[in-house]
């Protein structure tokens, strides 16, 4: 293996593992999305903080979607606009990838 190729492989591995650790460290807490309430309820553009929290809670969105109390908000037209604006994929893409804690 060439020196440059090994360096790229090491960088990729480090980035992959760090992403994995960050994903595992997320605690699913819908209250973390409070900065997005105004945008969801009134069609205001999402704030930078809202987008940051959505990206942080991205692994949890499918779980919220499965909860009947949160589903109307997660699937609302405003929520879809906010997700798109913030660059967060629609949780339908991840359905079933996160299991609810029993």
PDB file of N, CA and C in Angstrom:
ATOM      1  N   UNK A   1       0.841  -1.172   0.000  1.00  0.00           N
ATOM      2  CA  UNK A   1       0.000   0.000   0.000  1.00  0.00           C
ATOM      3  C   UNK A   1       0.886   1.235   0.000  1.00  0.00           C
ATOM      4  N   UNK A   2       0.550   2.212  -0.813  1.00  0.00           N
ATOM      5  CA  UNK A   2       1.334   3.431  -0.883  1.00  0.00           C
ATOM      6  C   UNK A   2       1.106   4.274   0.367  1.00  0.00           C
ATOM      7  N   UNK A   3       2.085   5.113   0.653  1.00  0.00           N
ATOM      8  CA  UNK A   3       2.029   5.962   1.836  1.00  0.00           C
ATOM      9  C   UNK A   3       0.791   6.872   1.820  1.00  0.00           C
ATOM     10  N   UNK A   4       0.506   7.505   0.684  1.00  0.00           N
ATOM     11  CA  UNK A   4      -0.652   8.391   0.563  1.00  0.00           C
ATOM     12  C   UNK A   4      -1.962   7.653   0.735  1.00  0.00           C
ATOM     13  N   UNK A   5      -2.054   6.452   0.198  1.00  0.00           N
ATOM     14  CA  UNK A   5      -3.261   5.647   0.295  1.00  0.00           C
ATOM     15  C   UNK A   5      -3.515   5.232   1.736  1.00  0.00           C
ATOM     16  N   UNK A   6      -2.451   4.861   2.457  1.00  0.00           N
ATOM     17  CA  UNK A   6      -2.626   4.474   3.854  1.00  0.00           C
ATOM     18  C   UNK A   6      -3.059   5.659   4.695  1.00  0.00           C
ATOM     19  N   UNK A   7      -2.525   6.844   4.376  1.00  0.00           N
ATOM     20  CA  UNK A   7      -2.897   8.040   5.121  1.00  0.00           C
ATOM     21  C   UNK A   7      -4.380   8.335   4.919  1.00  0.00           C
ATOM     22  N   UNK A   8      -4.851   8.237   3.684  1.00  0.00           N
ATOM     23  CA  UNK A   8      -6.261   8.481   3.382  1.00  0.00           C
ATOM     24  C   UNK A   8      -7.129   7.443   4.090  1.00  0.00           C
ATOM     25  N   UNK A   9      -6.707   6.200   4.092  1.00  0.00           N
ATOM     26  CA  UNK A   9      -7.462   5.142   4.759  1.00  0.00           C
ATOM     27  C   UNK A   9      -7.545   5.404   6.260  1.00  0.00           C
ATOM     28  N   UNK A  10      -6.464   5.855   6.858  1.00  0.00           N
ATOM     29  CA  UNK A  10      -6.447   6.149   8.299  1.00  0.00           C
ATOM     30  C   UNK A  10      -7.381   7.316   8.604  1.00  0.00           C
ATOM     31  N   UNK A  11      -7.313   8.361   7.774  1.00  0.00           N
ATOM     32  CA  UNK A  11      -8.193   9.520   7.978  1.00  0.00           C
ATOM     33  C   UNK A  11      -9.653   9.098   7.874  1.00  0.00           C
ATOM     34  N   UNK A  12      -9.976   8.304   6.854  1.00  0.00           N
ATOM     35  CA  UNK A  12     -11.342   7.827   6.682  1.00  0.00           C
ATOM     36  C   UNK A  12     -11.792   7.029   7.905  1.00  0.00           C
ATOM     37  N   UNK A  13     -10.950   6.145   8.390  1.00  0.00           N
ATOM     38  CA  UNK A  13     -11.274   5.322   9.546  1.00  0.00           C
ATOM     39  C   UNK A  13     -11.517   6.187  10.780  1.00  0.00           C
ATOM     40  N   UNK A  14     -10.668   7.176  11.001  1.00  0.00           N
ATOM     41  CA  UNK A  14     -10.825   8.076  12.157  1.00  0.00           C
ATOM     42  C   UNK A  14     -12.144   8.841  12.051  1.00  0.00           C
ATOM     43  N   UNK A  15     -12.439   9.381  10.862  1.00  0.00           N
ATOM     44  CA  UNK A  15     -13.686  10.116  10.679  1.00  0.00           C
ATOM     45  C   UNK A  15     -14.898   9.221  10.867  1.00  0.00           C
ATOM     46  N   UNK A  16     -14.838   8.024  10.322  1.00  0.00           N
ATOM     47  CA  UNK A  16     -15.947   7.080  10.457  1.00  0.00           C
ATOM     48  C   UNK A  16     -16.185   6.726  11.920  1.00  0.00           C
ATOM     49  N   UNK A  17     -15.125   6.408  12.640  1.00  0.00           N
ATOM     50  CA  UNK A  17     -15.267   6.032  14.047  1.00  0.00           C
ATOM     51  C   UNK A  17     -15.742   7.201  14.901  1.00  0.00           C
ATOM     52  N   UNK A  18     -15.258   8.406  14.612  1.00  0.00           N
ATOM     53  CA  UNK A  18     -15.701   9.554  15.399  1.00  0.00           C
ATOM     54  C   UNK A  18     -17.180   9.822  15.151  1.00  0.00           C
ATOM     55  N   UNK A  19     -17.660   9.659  13.922  1.00  0.00           N
ATOM     56  CA  UNK A  19     -19.078   9.824  13.611  1.00  0.00           C
ATOM     57  C   UNK A  19     -19.890   8.762  14.340  1.00  0.00           C
ATOM     58  N   UNK A  20     -19.401   7.550  14.373  1.00  0.00           N
ATOM     59  CA  UNK A  20     -20.079   6.467  15.065  1.00  0.00           C
ATOM     60  C   UNK A  20     -20.195   6.774  16.546  1.00  0.00           C
ATOM     61  N   UNK A  21     -19.139   7.265  17.158  1.00  0.00           N
ATOM     62  CA  UNK A  21     -19.164   7.593  18.578  1.00  0.00           C
ATOM     63  C   UNK A  21     -20.120   8.740  18.866  1.00  0.00           C
ATOM     64  N   UNK A  22     -20.161   9.734  18.008  1.00  0.00           N
ATOM     65  CA  UNK A  22     -21.075  10.855  18.199  1.00  0.00           C
ATOM     66  C   UNK A  22     -22.504  10.368  18.090  1.00  0.00           C
ATOM     67  N   UNK A  23     -22.798   9.526  17.114  1.00  0.00           N
ATOM     68  CA  UNK A  23     -24.148   9.006  16.939  1.00  0.00           C
ATOM     69  C   UNK A  23     -24.585   8.215  18.155  1.00  0.00           C
ATOM     70  N   UNK A  24     -23.695   7.421  18.710  1.00  0.00           N
ATOM     71  CA  UNK A  24     -24.038   6.627  19.885  1.00  0.00           C
ATOM     72  C   UNK A  24     -24.232   7.494  21.114  1.00  0.00           C
ATOM     73  N   UNK A  25     -23.605   8.664  21.165  1.00  0.00           N
ATOM     74  CA  UNK A  25     -23.659   9.517  22.334  1.00  0.00           C
ATOM     75  C   UNK A  25     -24.937  10.354  22.395  1.00  0.00           C
ATOM     76  N   UNK A  26     -25.730  10.399  21.334  1.00  0.00           N
ATOM     77  CA  UNK A  26     -26.939  11.208  21.321  1.00  0.00           C
ATOM     78  C   UNK A  26     -27.984  10.590  22.232  1.00  0.00           C
ATOM     79  N   UNK A  27     -28.533  11.421  23.104  1.00  0.00           N
ATOM     80  CA  UNK A  27     -29.645  11.004  23.946  1.00  0.00           C
ATOM     81  C   UNK A  27     -30.900  11.558  23.320  1.00  0.00           C
ATOM     82  N   UNK A  28     -31.823  10.682  22.987  1.00  0.00           N
ATOM     83  CA  UNK A  28     -33.066  11.121  22.366  1.00  0.00           C
ATOM     84  C   UNK A  28     -33.941  11.813  23.407  1.00  0.00           C
ATOM     85  N   UNK A  29     -34.059  13.123  23.246  1.00  0.00           N
ATOM     86  CA  UNK A  29     -34.859  13.931  24.155  1.00  0.00           C
ATOM     87  C   UNK A  29     -35.561  14.985  23.313  1.00  0.00           C
ATOM     88  N   UNK A  30     -36.849  14.820  23.128  1.00  0.00           N
ATOM     89  CA  UNK A  30     -37.606  15.732  22.281  1.00  0.00           C
ATOM     90  C   UNK A  30     -37.527  17.172  22.786  1.00  0.00           C
ATOM     91  N   UNK A  31     -37.269  17.358  24.050  1.00  0.00           N
ATOM     92  CA  UNK A  31     -37.153  18.708  24.615  1.00  0.00           C
ATOM     93  C   UNK A  31     -35.959  19.461  24.027  1.00  0.00           C
ATOM     94  N   UNK A  32     -35.007  18.728  23.450  1.00  0.00           N
ATOM     95  CA  UNK A  32     -33.861  19.363  22.800  1.00  0.00           C
ATOM     96  C   UNK A  32     -34.282  20.146  21.554  1.00  0.00           C
ATOM     97  N   UNK A  33     -35.494  19.866  21.071  1.00  0.00           N
ATOM     98  CA  UNK A  33     -35.971  20.523  19.854  1.00  0.00           C
ATOM     99  C   UNK A  33     -36.816  21.769  20.138  1.00  0.00           C
ATOM    100  N   UNK A  34     -36.840  22.220  21.380  1.00  0.00           N
ATOM    101  CA  UNK A  34     -37.593  23.423  21.729  1.00  0.00           C
ATOM    102  C   UNK A  34     -37.194  24.630  20.875  1.00  0.00           C
ATOM    103  N   UNK A  35     -35.923  24.797  20.499  1.00  0.00           N
ATOM    104  CA  UNK A  35     -35.588  25.936  19.641  1.00  0.00           C
ATOM    105  C   UNK A  35     -36.317  25.927  18.287  1.00  0.00           C
ATOM    106  N   UNK A  36     -36.946  24.822  17.927  1.00  0.00           N
ATOM    107  CA  UNK A  36     -37.643  24.711  16.645  1.00  0.00           C
ATOM    108  C   UNK A  36     -39.147  24.949  16.750  1.00  0.00           C
ATOM    109  N   UNK A  37     -39.662  25.122  17.958  1.00  0.00           N
ATOM    110  CA  UNK A  37     -41.112  25.237  18.138  1.00  0.00           C
ATOM    111  C   UNK A  37     -41.690  26.405  17.346  1.00  0.00           C
ATOM    112  N   UNK A  38     -41.073  27.572  17.430  1.00  0.00           N
ATOM    113  CA  UNK A  38     -41.605  28.738  16.712  1.00  0.00           C
ATOM    114  C   UNK A  38     -41.658  28.479  15.209  1.00  0.00           C
ATOM    115  N   UNK A  39     -40.638  27.857  14.678  1.00  0.00           N
ATOM    116  CA  UNK A  39     -40.602  27.571  13.239  1.00  0.00           C
ATOM    117  C   UNK A  39     -41.676  26.556  12.853  1.00  0.00           C
ATOM    118  N   UNK A  40     -41.898  25.567  13.692  1.00  0.00           N
ATOM    119  CA  UNK A  40     -42.906  24.539  13.388  1.00  0.00           C
ATOM    120  C   UNK A  40     -44.320  25.103  13.509  1.00  0.00           C
ATOM    121  N   UNK A  41     -44.550  25.927  14.528  1.00  0.00           N
ATOM    122  CA  UNK A  41     -45.904  26.413  14.800  1.00  0.00           C
ATOM    123  C   UNK A  41     -46.301  27.635  13.966  1.00  0.00           C
ATOM    124  N   UNK A  42     -45.329  28.445  13.509  1.00  0.00           N
ATOM    125  CA  UNK A  42     -45.694  29.705  12.867  1.00  0.00           C
ATOM    126  C   UNK A  42     -45.103  29.900  11.480  1.00  0.00           C
ATOM    127  N   UNK A  43     -44.430  28.946  10.960  1.00  0.00           N
ATOM    128  CA  UNK A  43     -43.797  29.041   9.636  1.00  0.00           C
ATOM    129  C   UNK A  43     -42.624  30.018   9.585  1.00  0.00           C
ATOM    130  N   UNK A  44     -42.087  30.407  10.740  1.00  0.00           N
ATOM    131  CA  UNK A  44     -40.886  31.239  10.746  1.00  0.00           C
ATOM    132  C   UNK A  44     -39.724  30.398  10.245  1.00  0.00           C
ATOM    133  N   UNK A  45     -38.718  31.028   9.658  1.00  0.00           N
ATOM    134  CA  UNK A  45     -37.540  30.251   9.256  1.00  0.00           C
ATOM    135  C   UNK A  45     -36.843  29.698  10.507  1.00  0.00           C
ATOM    136  N   UNK A  46     -36.256  28.513  10.388  1.00  0.00           N
ATOM    137  CA  UNK A  46     -35.577  27.948  11.561  1.00  0.00           C
ATOM    138  C   UNK A  46     -34.335  28.763  11.918  1.00  0.00           C
ATOM    139  N   UNK A  47     -34.077  28.834  13.200  1.00  0.00           N
ATOM    140  CA  UNK A  47     -32.876  29.523  13.664  1.00  0.00           C
ATOM    141  C   UNK A  47     -31.678  28.601  13.495  1.00  0.00           C
ATOM    142  N   UNK A  48     -30.502  29.167  13.614  1.00  0.00           N
ATOM    143  CA  UNK A  48     -29.271  28.376  13.558  1.00  0.00           C
ATOM    144  C   UNK A  48     -29.272  27.341  14.668  1.00  0.00           C
ATOM    145  N   UNK A  49     -29.758  27.735  15.838  1.00  0.00           N
ATOM    146  CA  UNK A  49     -29.805  26.806  16.981  1.00  0.00           C
ATOM    147  C   UNK A  49     -30.779  25.659  16.698  1.00  0.00           C
ATOM    148  N   UNK A  50     -31.910  25.978  16.072  1.00  0.00           N
ATOM    149  CA  UNK A  50     -32.876  24.941  15.707  1.00  0.00           C
ATOM    150  C   UNK A  50     -32.215  23.922  14.776  1.00  0.00           C
ATOM    151  N   UNK A  51     -31.541  24.409  13.751  1.00  0.00           N
ATOM    152  CA  UNK A  51     -30.881  23.508  12.798  1.00  0.00           C
ATOM    153  C   UNK A  51     -29.817  22.655  13.491  1.00  0.00           C
ATOM    154  N   UNK A  52     -29.071  23.264  14.396  1.00  0.00           N
ATOM    155  CA  UNK A  52     -28.034  22.515  15.122  1.00  0.00           C
ATOM    156  C   UNK A  52     -28.668  21.403  15.952  1.00  0.00           C
ATOM    157  N   UNK A  53     -29.776  21.710  16.603  1.00  0.00           N
ATOM    158  CA  UNK A  53     -30.454  20.704  17.433  1.00  0.00           C
ATOM    159  C   UNK A  53     -31.072  19.602  16.562  1.00  0.00           C
ATOM    160  N   UNK A  54     -31.625  19.971  15.412  1.00  0.00           N
ATOM    161  CA  UNK A  54     -32.171  18.952  14.509  1.00  0.00           C
ATOM    162  C   UNK A  54     -31.075  17.999  14.042  1.00  0.00           C
ATOM    163  N   UNK A  55     -29.932  18.562  13.696  1.00  0.00           N
ATOM    164  CA  UNK A  55     -28.821  17.717  13.253  1.00  0.00           C
ATOM    165  C   UNK A  55     -28.336  16.829  14.387  1.00  0.00           C
ATOM    166  N   UNK A  56     -28.315  17.368  15.594  1.00  0.00           N
ATOM    167  CA  UNK A  56     -27.902  16.590  16.765  1.00  0.00           C
ATOM    168  C   UNK A  56     -28.887  15.455  17.038  1.00  0.00           C
ATOM    169  N   UNK A  57     -30.171  15.731  16.884  1.00  0.00           N
ATOM    170  CA  UNK A  57     -31.219  14.756  17.184  1.00  0.00           C
ATOM    171  C   UNK A  57     -31.609  13.903  15.977  1.00  0.00           C
ATOM    172  N   UNK A  58     -30.905  14.065  14.855  1.00  0.00           N
ATOM    173  CA  UNK A  58     -31.233  13.336  13.625  1.00  0.00           C
ATOM    174  C   UNK A  58     -31.399  11.826  13.847  1.00  0.00           C
ATOM    175  N   UNK A  59     -30.534  11.172  14.644  1.00  0.00           N
ATOM    176  CA  UNK A  59     -30.733   9.725  14.852  1.00  0.00           C
ATOM    177  C   UNK A  59     -32.028   9.400  15.594  1.00  0.00           C
ATOM    178  N   UNK A  60     -32.642  10.405  16.217  1.00  0.00           N
ATOM    179  CA  UNK A  60     -33.839  10.179  17.028  1.00  0.00           C
ATOM    180  C   UNK A  60     -35.138  10.455  16.276  1.00  0.00           C
ATOM    181  N   UNK A  61     -35.057  11.095  15.133  1.00  0.00           N
ATOM    182  CA  UNK A  61     -36.270  11.528  14.441  1.00  0.00           C
ATOM    183  C   UNK A  61     -37.201  10.377  14.090  1.00  0.00           C
ATOM    184  N   UNK A  62     -36.669   9.233  13.737  1.00  0.00           N
ATOM    185  CA  UNK A  62     -37.527   8.075  13.430  1.00  0.00           C
ATOM    186  C   UNK A  62     -38.271   7.615  14.675  1.00  0.00           C
ATOM    187  N   UNK A  63     -37.605   7.685  15.807  1.00  0.00           N
ATOM    188  CA  UNK A  63     -38.251   7.317  17.073  1.00  0.00           C
ATOM    189  C   UNK A  63     -39.391   8.284  17.371  1.00  0.00           C
ATOM    190  N   UNK A  64     -39.145   9.577  17.170  1.00  0.00           N
ATOM    191  CA  UNK A  64     -40.204  10.566  17.384  1.00  0.00           C
ATOM    192  C   UNK A  64     -41.359  10.323  16.421  1.00  0.00           C
ATOM    193  N   UNK A  65     -41.045   9.923  15.213  1.00  0.00           N
ATOM    194  CA  UNK A  65     -42.069   9.665  14.203  1.00  0.00           C
ATOM    195  C   UNK A  65     -42.963   8.495  14.618  1.00  0.00           C
ATOM    196  N   UNK A  66     -42.425   7.531  15.323  1.00  0.00           N
ATOM    197  CA  UNK A  66     -43.197   6.368  15.759  1.00  0.00           C
ATOM    198  C   UNK A  66     -44.065   6.671  16.981  1.00  0.00           C
ATOM    199  N   UNK A  67     -43.800   7.813  17.638  1.00  0.00           N
ATOM    200  CA  UNK A  67     -44.573   8.184  18.820  1.00  0.00           C
ATOM    201  C   UNK A  67     -45.799   8.983  18.373  1.00  0.00           C
ATOM    202  N   UNK A  68     -47.012   8.496  18.674  1.00  0.00           N
ATOM    203  CA  UNK A  68     -48.217   9.180  18.213  1.00  0.00           C
ATOM    204  C   UNK A  68     -48.342  10.621  18.731  1.00  0.00           C
ATOM    205  N   UNK A  69     -47.713  10.930  19.855  1.00  0.00           N
ATOM    206  CA  UNK A  69     -47.771  12.297  20.390  1.00  0.00           C
ATOM    207  C   UNK A  69     -46.913  13.268  19.587  1.00  0.00           C
ATOM    208  N   UNK A  70     -45.831  12.784  18.992  1.00  0.00           N
ATOM    209  CA  UNK A  70     -44.900  13.650  18.270  1.00  0.00           C
ATOM    210  C   UNK A  70     -45.088  13.606  16.756  1.00  0.00           C
ATOM    211  N   UNK A  71     -45.682  12.526  16.264  1.00  0.00           N
ATOM    212  CA  UNK A  71     -45.792  12.322  14.816  1.00  0.00           C
ATOM    213  C   UNK A  71     -46.429  13.501  14.081  1.00  0.00           C
ATOM    214  N   UNK A  72     -47.525  14.089  14.595  1.00  0.00           N
ATOM    215  CA  UNK A  72     -48.124  15.209  13.858  1.00  0.00           C
ATOM    216  C   UNK A  72     -47.154  16.386  13.661  1.00  0.00           C
ATOM    217  N   UNK A  73     -46.255  16.569  14.598  1.00  0.00           N
ATOM    218  CA  UNK A  73     -45.285  17.665  14.487  1.00  0.00           C
ATOM    219  C   UNK A  73     -44.147  17.298  13.546  1.00  0.00           C
ATOM    220  N   UNK A  74     -43.670  16.064  13.658  1.00  0.00           N
ATOM    221  CA  UNK A  74     -42.551  15.610  12.824  1.00  0.00           C
ATOM    222  C   UNK A  74     -42.970  15.549  11.355  1.00  0.00           C
ATOM    223  N   UNK A  75     -44.225  15.203  11.093  1.00  0.00           N
ATOM    224  CA  UNK A  75     -44.714  15.047   9.715  1.00  0.00           C
ATOM    225  C   UNK A  75     -45.443  16.289   9.196  1.00  0.00           C
ATOM    226  N   UNK A  76     -45.499  17.346   9.980  1.00  0.00           N
ATOM    227  CA  UNK A  76     -46.217  18.547   9.543  1.00  0.00           C
ATOM    228  C   UNK A  76     -45.511  19.186   8.347  1.00  0.00           C
ATOM    229  N   UNK A  77     -46.259  19.924   7.534  1.00  0.00           N
ATOM    230  CA  UNK A  77     -45.643  20.603   6.393  1.00  0.00           C
ATOM    231  C   UNK A  77     -44.510  21.550   6.819  1.00  0.00           C
ATOM    232  N   UNK A  78     -44.714  22.261   7.925  1.00  0.00           N
ATOM    233  CA  UNK A  78     -43.661  23.169   8.407  1.00  0.00           C
ATOM    234  C   UNK A  78     -42.405  22.394   8.800  1.00  0.00           C
ATOM    235  N   UNK A  79     -42.582  21.239   9.444  1.00  0.00           N
ATOM    236  CA  UNK A  79     -41.420  20.441   9.851  1.00  0.00           C
ATOM    237  C   UNK A  79     -40.636  19.985   8.625  1.00  0.00           C
ATOM    238  N   UNK A  80     -41.339  19.593   7.577  1.00  0.00           N
ATOM    239  CA  UNK A  80     -40.655  19.167   6.344  1.00  0.00           C
ATOM    240  C   UNK A  80     -39.839  20.311   5.750  1.00  0.00           C
ATOM    241  N   UNK A  81     -40.397  21.517   5.780  1.00  0.00           N
ATOM    242  CA  UNK A  81     -39.676  22.688   5.269  1.00  0.00           C
ATOM    243  C   UNK A  81     -38.436  22.958   6.127  1.00  0.00           C
ATOM    244  N   UNK A  82     -38.600  22.852   7.428  1.00  0.00           N
ATOM    245  CA  UNK A  82     -37.483  23.099   8.349  1.00  0.00           C
ATOM    246  C   UNK A  82     -36.380  22.066   8.136  1.00  0.00           C
ATOM    247  N   UNK A  83     -36.761  20.800   8.021  1.00  0.00           N
ATOM    248  CA  UNK A  83     -35.769  19.752   7.781  1.00  0.00           C
ATOM    249  C   UNK A  83     -34.989  20.040   6.504  1.00  0.00           C
ATOM    250  N   UNK A  84     -35.701  20.406   5.456  1.00  0.00           N
ATOM    251  CA  UNK A  84     -35.040  20.693   4.180  1.00  0.00           C
ATOM    252  C   UNK A  84     -34.120  21.906   4.314  1.00  0.00           C
ATOM    253  N   UNK A  85     -34.607  22.968   4.956  1.00  0.00           N
ATOM    254  CA  UNK A  85     -33.813  24.184   5.147  1.00  0.00           C
ATOM    255  C   UNK A  85     -32.545  23.892   5.930  1.00  0.00           C
ATOM    256  N   UNK A  86     -32.661  23.031   6.938  1.00  0.00           N
ATOM    257  CA  UNK A  86     -31.513  22.703   7.794  1.00  0.00           C
ATOM    258  C   UNK A  86     -30.623  21.614   7.198  1.00  0.00           C
ATOM    259  N   UNK A  87     -31.049  21.003   6.101  1.00  0.00           N
ATOM    260  CA  UNK A  87     -30.244  19.958   5.476  1.00  0.00           C
ATOM    261  C   UNK A  87     -30.300  18.631   6.207  1.00  0.00           C
ATOM    262  N   UNK A  88     -31.428  18.377   6.873  1.00  0.00           N
ATOM    263  CA  UNK A  88     -31.613  17.122   7.611  1.00  0.00           C
ATOM    264  C   UNK A  88     -32.585  16.264   6.806  1.00  0.00           C
ATOM    265  N   UNK A  89     -32.209  15.001   6.511  1.00  0.00           N
ATOM    266  CA  UNK A  89     -33.103  14.144   5.722  1.00  0.00           C
ATOM    267  C   UNK A  89     -34.411  13.857   6.453  1.00  0.00           C
ATOM    268  N   UNK A  90     -35.462  13.688   5.676  1.00  0.00           N
ATOM    269  CA  UNK A  90     -36.764  13.330   6.225  1.00  0.00           C
ATOM    270  C   UNK A  90     -36.624  12.005   6.972  1.00  0.00           C
ATOM    271  N   UNK A  91     -37.211  11.900   8.171  1.00  0.00           N
ATOM    272  CA  UNK A  91     -37.061  10.661   8.943  1.00  0.00           C
ATOM    273  C   UNK A  91     -37.623   9.422   8.274  1.00  0.00           C
ATOM    274  N   UNK A  92     -38.460   9.541   7.232  1.00  0.00           N
ATOM    275  CA  UNK A  92     -38.953   8.365   6.516  1.00  0.00           C
ATOM    276  C   UNK A  92     -37.809   7.532   5.965  1.00  0.00           C
ATOM    277  N   UNK A  93     -36.690   8.189   5.654  1.00  0.00           N
ATOM    278  CA  UNK A  93     -35.555   7.454   5.081  1.00  0.00           C
ATOM    279  C   UNK A  93     -34.954   6.486   6.082  1.00  0.00           C
ATOM    280  N   UNK A  94     -35.188   6.728   7.351  1.00  0.00           N
ATOM    281  CA  UNK A  94     -34.511   5.957   8.397  1.00  0.00           C
ATOM    282  C   UNK A  94     -35.467   5.075   9.174  1.00  0.00           C
ATOM    283  N   UNK A  95     -36.701   4.986   8.735  1.00  0.00           N
ATOM    284  CA  UNK A  95     -37.710   4.231   9.476  1.00  0.00           C
ATOM    285  C   UNK A  95     -37.228   2.826   9.791  1.00  0.00           C
ATOM    286  N   UNK A  96     -37.363   2.466  11.057  1.00  0.00           N
ATOM    287  CA  UNK A  96     -36.983   1.132  11.481  1.00  0.00           C
ATOM    288  C   UNK A  96     -35.521   0.986  11.838  1.00  0.00           C
ATOM    289  N   UNK A  97     -34.709   2.014  11.605  1.00  0.00           N
ATOM    290  CA  UNK A  97     -33.280   1.873  11.910  1.00  0.00           C
ATOM    291  C   UNK A  97     -32.992   2.114  13.384  1.00  0.00           C
ATOM    292  N   UNK A  98     -33.937   2.728  14.072  1.00  0.00           N
ATOM    293  CA  UNK A  98     -33.765   2.972  15.500  1.00  0.00           C
ATOM    294  C   UNK A  98     -34.871   2.247  16.234  1.00  0.00           C
ATOM    295  N   UNK A  99     -34.523   1.476  17.196  1.00  0.00           N
ATOM    296  CA  UNK A  99     -35.514   0.735  17.951  1.00  0.00           C
ATOM    297  C   UNK A  99     -35.852   1.504  19.214  1.00  0.00           C
ATOM    298  N   UNK A 100     -37.133   1.490  19.561  1.00  0.00           N
ATOM    299  CA  UNK A 100     -37.575   2.155  20.766  1.00  0.00           C
ATOM    300  C   UNK A 100     -37.106   1.341  21.974  1.00  0.00           C
ATOM    301  N   UNK A 101     -36.760   2.054  23.037  1.00  0.00           N
ATOM    302  CA  UNK A 101     -36.398   1.363  24.274  1.00  0.00           C
ATOM    303  C   UNK A 101     -37.658   0.823  24.910  1.00  0.00           C
ATOM    304  N   UNK A 102     -37.620  -0.430  25.348  1.00  0.00           N
ATOM    305  CA  UNK A 102     -38.803  -1.036  25.966  1.00  0.00           C
ATOM    306  C   UNK A 102     -38.778  -0.819  27.442  1.00  0.00           C
TER     307      UNK A 102
END
